[in-house]
C-alpha atoms as a PDB file:
ATOM      1  CA  MET A   1      12.229  -0.463  29.876  1.00  0.00           C
ATOM      2  CA  GLU A   2      13.711  -3.968  30.067  1.00  0.00           C
ATOM      3  CA  ALA A   3      12.212  -4.850  26.686  1.00  0.00           C
ATOM      4  CA  VAL A   4      13.952  -1.871  25.086  1.00  0.00           C
ATOM      5  CA  VAL A   5      17.297  -2.766  26.656  1.00  0.00           C
ATOM      6  CA  GLN A   6      16.945  -6.447  25.688  1.00  0.00           C
ATOM      7  CA  ASN A   7      15.929  -5.573  22.128  1.00  0.00           C
ATOM      8  CA  THR A   8      18.910  -3.218  21.768  1.00  0.00           C
ATOM      9  CA  THR A   9      21.270  -5.883  23.125  1.00  0.00           C
ATOM     10  CA  ASP A  10      19.874  -8.505  20.754  1.00  0.00           C
ATOM     11  CA  LEU A  11      20.295  -6.176  17.773  1.00  0.00           C
ATOM     12  CA  ALA A  12      23.887  -5.364  18.732  1.00  0.00           C
ATOM     13  CA  THR A  13      24.692  -9.056  19.140  1.00  0.00           C
ATOM     14  CA  GLU A  14      23.068  -9.896  15.818  1.00  0.00           C
ATOM     15  CA  LYS A  15      24.922  -7.045  14.102  1.00  0.00           C
ATOM     16  CA  ASP A  16      28.240  -8.270  15.532  1.00  0.00           C
ATOM     17  CA  ALA A  17      27.487 -11.817  14.384  1.00  0.00           C
ATOM     18  CA  MET A  18      26.644 -10.643  10.870  1.00  0.00           C
ATOM     19  CA  GLU A  19      29.790  -8.506  10.663  1.00  0.00           C
ATOM     20  CA  THR A  20      31.888 -11.484  11.769  1.00  0.00           C
ATOM     21  CA  LEU A  21      30.243 -13.750   9.193  1.00  0.00           C
ATOM     22  CA  PHE A  22      30.766 -11.236   6.387  1.00  0.00           C
ATOM     23  CA  SER A  23      34.378 -10.827   7.469  1.00  0.00           C
ATOM     24  CA  TYR A  24      34.885 -14.584   7.106  1.00  0.00           C
ATOM     25  CA  LEU A  25      33.168 -14.565   3.718  1.00  0.00           C
ATOM     26  CA  ASP A  26      35.381 -11.696   2.553  1.00  0.00           C
ATOM     27  CA  LYS A  27      38.462 -13.653   3.666  1.00  0.00           C
ATOM     28  CA  GLY A  28      37.188 -16.678   1.741  1.00  0.00           C
ATOM     29  CA  ILE A  29      36.738 -14.619  -1.403  1.00  0.00           C
ATOM     30  CA  ASP A  30      40.236 -13.184  -1.006  1.00  0.00           C
ATOM     31  CA  ASP A  31      41.622 -16.725  -0.621  1.00  0.00           C
ATOM     32  CA  MET A  32      39.832 -17.888  -3.766  1.00  0.00           C
ATOM     33  CA  GLU A  33      41.090 -14.931  -5.772  1.00  0.00           C
ATOM     34  CA  ALA A  34      44.634 -15.696  -4.593  1.00  0.00           C
ATOM     35  CA  GLY A  35      44.288 -19.337  -5.650  1.00  0.00           C
ATOM     36  CA  ARG A  36      43.990 -20.717  -2.122  1.00  0.00           C
ATOM     37  CA  VAL A  37      40.905 -22.859  -2.629  1.00  0.00           C
ATOM     38  CA  HIS A  38      39.422 -25.175   0.008  1.00  0.00           C
ATOM     39  CA  THR A  39      36.783 -27.848  -0.274  1.00  0.00           C
ATOM     40  CA  ALA A  40      33.414 -27.015   1.286  1.00  0.00           C
ATOM     41  CA  ASP A  41      34.171 -29.347   4.218  1.00  0.00           C
ATOM     42  CA  GLU A  42      37.531 -27.654   4.837  1.00  0.00           C
ATOM     43  CA  ALA A  43      35.937 -24.214   4.618  1.00  0.00           C
ATOM     44  CA  PHE A  44      33.241 -25.090   7.160  1.00  0.00           C
ATOM     45  CA  ARG A  45      35.851 -26.616   9.479  1.00  0.00           C
ATOM     46  CA  ILE A  46      37.956 -23.456   9.282  1.00  0.00           C
ATOM     47  CA  ILE A  47      34.934 -21.256   9.979  1.00  0.00           C
ATOM     48  CA  ARG A  48      33.851 -23.412  12.946  1.00  0.00           C
ATOM     49  CA  GLU A  49      37.354 -23.242  14.430  1.00  0.00           C
ATOM     50  CA  ARG A  50      37.510 -19.452  14.016  1.00  0.00           C
ATOM     51  CA  MET A  51      34.065 -19.022  15.548  1.00  0.00           C
ATOM     52  CA  LYS A  52      35.101 -21.078  18.598  1.00  0.00           C
ATOM     53  CA  HIS A  53      37.998 -18.709  19.155  1.00  0.00           C
ATOM     54  CA  GLU A  54      35.777 -15.635  18.671  1.00  0.00           C
ATOM     55  CA  LEU A  55      33.324 -16.716  21.355  1.00  0.00           C
END
């Protein structure tokens, strides 16, 4: 029983993480289309900061 509960929890956590990542990627695409372009270093810094606040 514990294995089923743990597996379900892991899948939910992974799904949430993937949805958050795709949300950030969508925001990045929207920014690029609007002409708000960041360097790769700036983009990773922004994502790291947002992830800190999400956790």
